[in-house]
Amino acid sequence: MRADAQRNYDRLLHEAKQAFIVHGTEVPLEDIARHAGVGVGTLYRHFPDRYALMNAVFEQEVEKIAEEARQLVASEDDPTEALIAWLRAVAVHSTMYRGLSAAIMEASDSRMPACKTRLRDAGGMLLWRAQQAGDVKPDLQIADLLKLTSAIVLAAEKDPEDRGVFGRLMALVIDGMRTHPGQGAPQRPATGGTQDEPAGAPAPAAK
């Protein structure tokens, strides 16, 4: 890629990331191009559609979640608690980028492929450990857990006045995935989050 094309690509990624955080993933692509100082045609030459741009932006962010999965494998003795902590990290990530959960749920596997593959690989490692320990049902698939987590975040986004909806729905998922439902409760880190929201969740972005 030529130097000027690389600069345009990098500016578009930067502006897209900021726009998605502030305005959500449905922000007009023309606005992103304008803030990047390029024409919309340049944007489409680099990113053929919205999902291609989202995939490029979120691939960088998903690497942080993948690294958290690796750290949990190395440091967390309880495989089930490690899986729960990671699912909450995914929820926090989705909360930062409003509309991301809906986009992931609606997108086919041919869209945002790098993000989906990276998430499934990272979470699959944690799920496998919990299943090997006998704490999580053996027929569960990481794709299903990710869809449920995204659906819960989407439900919370749709009903922001109900501050307890995330905690209640997440508790149902966690209880349902255990081989012995009712054993234990979802644990939260000592800092970050309230009783009813994802630990470490940022405040809603300004519209």
Protein backbone atom coordinates (compact mmCIF):
# COMPACT_ATOMS: atom_id res chain seq x y z
CA MET A 1 0.00 0.00 0.00
CA ARG A 2 1.36 3.43 -0.92
CA ALA A 3 2.21 5.79 1.90
CA ASP A 4 -0.67 8.18 1.17
CA ALA A 5 -3.13 5.28 0.92
CA GLN A 6 -1.87 3.91 4.24
CA ARG A 7 -2.37 7.30 5.88
CA ASN A 8 -5.94 7.46 4.58
CA TYR A 9 -6.58 3.92 5.82
CA ASP A 10 -5.24 4.72 9.28
CA ARG A 11 -7.24 7.96 9.52
CA LEU A 12 -10.43 6.19 8.49
CA LEU A 13 -9.90 3.51 11.13
CA HIS A 14 -9.25 6.12 13.81
CA GLU A 15 -12.30 8.20 12.92
CA ALA A 16 -14.50 5.13 12.60
CA LYS A 17 -13.51 3.92 16.07
CA GLN A 18 -14.32 7.29 17.63
CA ALA A 19 -17.59 7.58 15.72
CA PHE A 20 -18.74 4.09 16.73
CA ILE A 21 -18.04 4.84 20.40
CA VAL A 22 -19.80 8.22 20.41
CA HIS A 23 -22.64 7.72 17.93
CA GLY A 24 -23.02 3.94 17.61
CA THR A 25 -22.33 1.61 14.73
CA GLU A 26 -25.05 3.08 12.48
CA VAL A 27 -23.24 6.41 12.11
CA PRO A 28 -23.31 7.56 8.44
CA LEU A 29 -20.16 6.46 6.62
CA GLU A 30 -20.08 9.85 4.90
CA ASP A 31 -19.51 11.47 8.30
CA ILE A 32 -16.56 9.18 9.00
CA ALA A 33 -15.02 9.99 5.63
CA ARG A 34 -15.50 13.72 6.17
CA HIS A 35 -13.86 13.68 9.61
CA ALA A 36 -10.98 11.65 8.16
CA GLY A 37 -10.47 14.33 5.51
CA VAL A 38 -11.14 12.03 2.54
CA GLY A 39 -13.95 11.50 0.08
CA VAL A 40 -16.51 8.76 0.59
CA GLY A 41 -15.14 7.07 -2.53
CA THR A 42 -11.80 6.65 -0.77
CA LEU A 43 -13.57 5.06 2.18
CA TYR A 44 -15.31 2.53 -0.07
CA ARG A 45 -12.06 1.68 -1.86
CA HIS A 46 -10.59 0.60 1.48
CA PHE A 47 -13.81 -0.80 2.99
CA PRO A 48 -16.45 -2.06 0.52
CA ASP A 49 -19.26 -1.90 3.07
CA ARG A 50 -20.04 -1.04 6.68
CA TYR A 51 -19.24 -4.55 7.92
CA ALA A 52 -15.77 -4.44 6.36
CA LEU A 53 -15.05 -1.20 8.23
CA MET A 54 -16.49 -2.56 11.48
CA ASN A 55 -14.45 -5.74 11.14
CA ALA A 56 -11.23 -3.75 10.70
CA VAL A 57 -11.97 -1.53 13.71
CA PHE A 58 -13.14 -4.25 16.05
CA GLU A 59 -10.42 -6.72 15.10
CA GLN A 60 -7.99 -4.54 17.00
CA GLU A 61 -10.29 -4.37 20.01
CA VAL A 62 -11.07 -8.09 19.99
CA GLU A 63 -7.36 -8.84 20.35
CA LYS A 64 -7.59 -7.24 23.81
CA ILE A 65 -10.40 -9.64 24.71
CA ALA A 66 -8.40 -12.57 23.37
CA GLU A 67 -5.45 -11.55 25.51
CA GLU A 68 -7.74 -11.39 28.55
CA ALA A 69 -8.81 -14.97 27.83
CA ARG A 70 -5.18 -16.07 27.75
CA GLN A 71 -4.50 -14.32 31.05
CA LEU A 72 -7.54 -15.95 32.67
CA VAL A 73 -6.33 -19.38 31.55
CA ALA A 74 -2.98 -18.70 33.18
CA SER A 75 -4.18 -17.08 36.41
CA GLU A 76 -7.69 -18.31 37.25
CA ASP A 77 -7.83 -21.66 39.09
CA ASP A 78 -11.59 -22.08 38.64
CA PRO A 79 -12.31 -22.71 34.93
CA THR A 80 -15.98 -21.81 35.23
CA GLU A 81 -15.28 -18.50 36.96
CA ALA A 82 -12.70 -17.76 34.26
CA LEU A 83 -15.34 -18.33 31.57
CA ILE A 84 -17.85 -16.14 33.41
CA ALA A 85 -15.31 -13.35 33.83
CA TRP A 86 -14.50 -13.49 30.13
CA LEU A 87 -18.15 -13.35 29.06
CA ARG A 88 -18.51 -10.23 31.20
CA ALA A 89 -15.46 -8.73 29.48
CA VAL A 90 -17.15 -9.35 26.13
CA ALA A 91 -20.26 -7.59 27.46
CA VAL A 92 -18.23 -4.56 28.55
CA HIS A 93 -16.65 -4.40 25.09
CA SER A 94 -20.07 -4.48 23.45
CA THR A 95 -21.36 -1.81 25.84
CA MET A 96 -18.59 0.57 24.76
CA TYR A 97 -19.55 0.28 21.10
CA ARG A 98 -23.30 0.83 21.06
CA GLY A 99 -24.93 -1.26 18.37
CA LEU A 100 -22.11 -3.81 18.23
CA SER A 101 -24.20 -6.55 19.81
CA ALA A 102 -26.99 -6.06 17.29
CA ALA A 103 -24.49 -6.02 14.43
CA ILE A 104 -22.86 -9.26 15.57
CA MET A 105 -26.20 -11.02 16.00
CA GLU A 106 -27.50 -9.88 12.61
CA ALA A 107 -24.31 -10.51 10.66
CA SER A 108 -23.75 -13.79 8.86
CA ASP A 109 -20.46 -15.62 9.33
CA SER A 110 -19.25 -14.08 6.07
CA ARG A 111 -19.43 -10.64 7.69
CA MET A 112 -16.99 -9.54 10.37
CA PRO A 113 -15.25 -12.94 9.99
CA ALA A 114 -12.00 -12.00 11.73
CA CYS A 115 -13.82 -10.71 14.82
CA LYS A 116 -16.07 -13.75 15.06
CA THR A 117 -13.21 -16.22 14.61
CA ARG A 118 -11.01 -14.46 17.18
CA LEU A 119 -13.81 -14.34 19.75
CA ARG A 120 -14.77 -17.97 19.26
CA ASP A 121 -11.18 -19.17 19.48
CA ALA A 122 -10.53 -17.23 22.69
CA GLY A 123 -13.79 -18.20 24.37
CA GLY A 124 -13.66 -21.77 23.11
CA MET A 125 -10.47 -22.37 25.07
CA LEU A 126 -12.17 -21.20 28.29
CA LEU A 127 -15.33 -23.17 27.60
CA TRP A 128 -13.35 -26.35 26.94
CA ARG A 129 -11.57 -26.04 30.29
CA ALA A 130 -14.85 -25.57 32.15
CA GLN A 131 -16.36 -28.56 30.37
CA GLN A 132 -13.33 -30.72 31.14
CA ALA A 133 -13.73 -29.81 34.80
CA GLY A 134 -17.30 -31.10 34.64
CA ASP A 135 -18.83 -27.77 35.68
CA VAL A 136 -20.38 -26.77 32.34
CA LYS A 137 -22.71 -28.78 30.12
CA PRO A 138 -20.72 -30.70 27.47
CA ASP A 139 -23.07 -29.86 24.58
CA LEU A 140 -22.65 -26.09 24.90
CA GLN A 141 -20.92 -24.24 22.08
CA ILE A 142 -19.04 -20.97 22.47
CA ALA A 143 -20.97 -19.43 19.56
CA ASP A 144 -24.19 -19.94 21.52
CA LEU A 145 -22.78 -18.31 24.65
CA LEU A 146 -21.54 -15.34 22.63
CA LYS A 147 -24.95 -14.92 21.00
CA LEU A 148 -26.65 -15.03 24.39
CA THR A 149 -24.22 -12.46 25.79
CA SER A 150 -24.80 -10.18 22.82
CA ALA A 151 -28.57 -10.58 23.18
CA ILE A 152 -28.38 -9.61 26.86
CA VAL A 153 -26.33 -6.50 26.07
CA LEU A 154 -28.83 -5.60 23.35
CA ALA A 155 -31.72 -6.02 25.79
CA ALA A 156 -29.96 -3.72 28.26
CA GLU A 157 -29.38 -1.14 25.52
CA LYS A 158 -33.06 -1.23 24.59
CA ASP A 159 -34.20 -0.71 28.19
CA PRO A 160 -31.62 1.57 29.83
CA GLU A 161 -34.00 2.52 32.65
CA ASP A 162 -33.93 -1.03 34.01
CA ARG A 163 -30.50 -1.11 35.58
CA GLY A 164 -30.96 -4.67 36.79
CA VAL A 165 -31.78 -6.35 33.50
CA PHE A 166 -28.20 -7.26 32.61
CA GLY A 167 -27.46 -8.87 35.98
CA ARG A 168 -30.68 -10.87 36.02
CA LEU A 169 -30.38 -12.21 32.48
CA MET A 170 -26.68 -12.97 32.83
CA ALA A 171 -27.39 -14.91 36.02
CA LEU A 172 -29.94 -17.01 34.11
CA VAL A 173 -27.39 -17.83 31.41
CA ILE A 174 -24.69 -18.72 33.93
CA ASP A 175 -27.03 -20.91 35.94
CA GLY A 176 -28.30 -22.59 32.79
CA MET A 177 -24.86 -23.50 31.48
CA ARG A 178 -23.81 -25.29 34.68
CA THR A 179 -24.09 -29.05 34.93
CA HIS A 180 -25.58 -28.52 38.41
CA PRO A 181 -27.79 -25.40 38.19
CA GLY A 182 -27.97 -23.30 41.30
CA GLN A 183 -24.42 -24.02 42.42
CA GLY A 184 -22.54 -20.83 43.02
CA ALA A 185 -23.38 -17.35 41.79
CA PRO A 186 -21.70 -15.14 39.21
CA GLN A 187 -18.78 -13.46 40.92
CA ARG A 188 -17.74 -9.90 40.18
CA PRO A 189 -14.36 -8.28 40.51
CA ALA A 190 -13.86 -6.28 43.70
CA THR A 191 -13.87 -3.04 41.72
CA GLY A 192 -15.83 -1.75 38.77
CA GLY A 193 -19.50 -2.00 37.91
CA THR A 194 -22.56 -1.94 40.14
CA GLN A 195 -24.70 -4.76 41.38
CA ASP A 196 -26.73 -4.69 38.18
CA GLU A 197 -24.31 -3.84 35.39
CA PRO A 198 -21.21 -5.40 33.84
CA ALA A 199 -18.17 -4.84 36.01
CA GLY A 200 -16.06 -2.10 34.49
CA ALA A 201 -18.79 -1.03 32.08
CA PRO A 202 -18.25 2.52 30.86
CA ALA A 203 -20.91 5.16 31.17
CA PRO A 204 -23.24 5.36 28.16
CA ALA A 205 -21.65 7.31 25.33
CA ALA A 206 -23.06 10.74 24.62
CA LYS A 207 -25.44 10.86 21.70
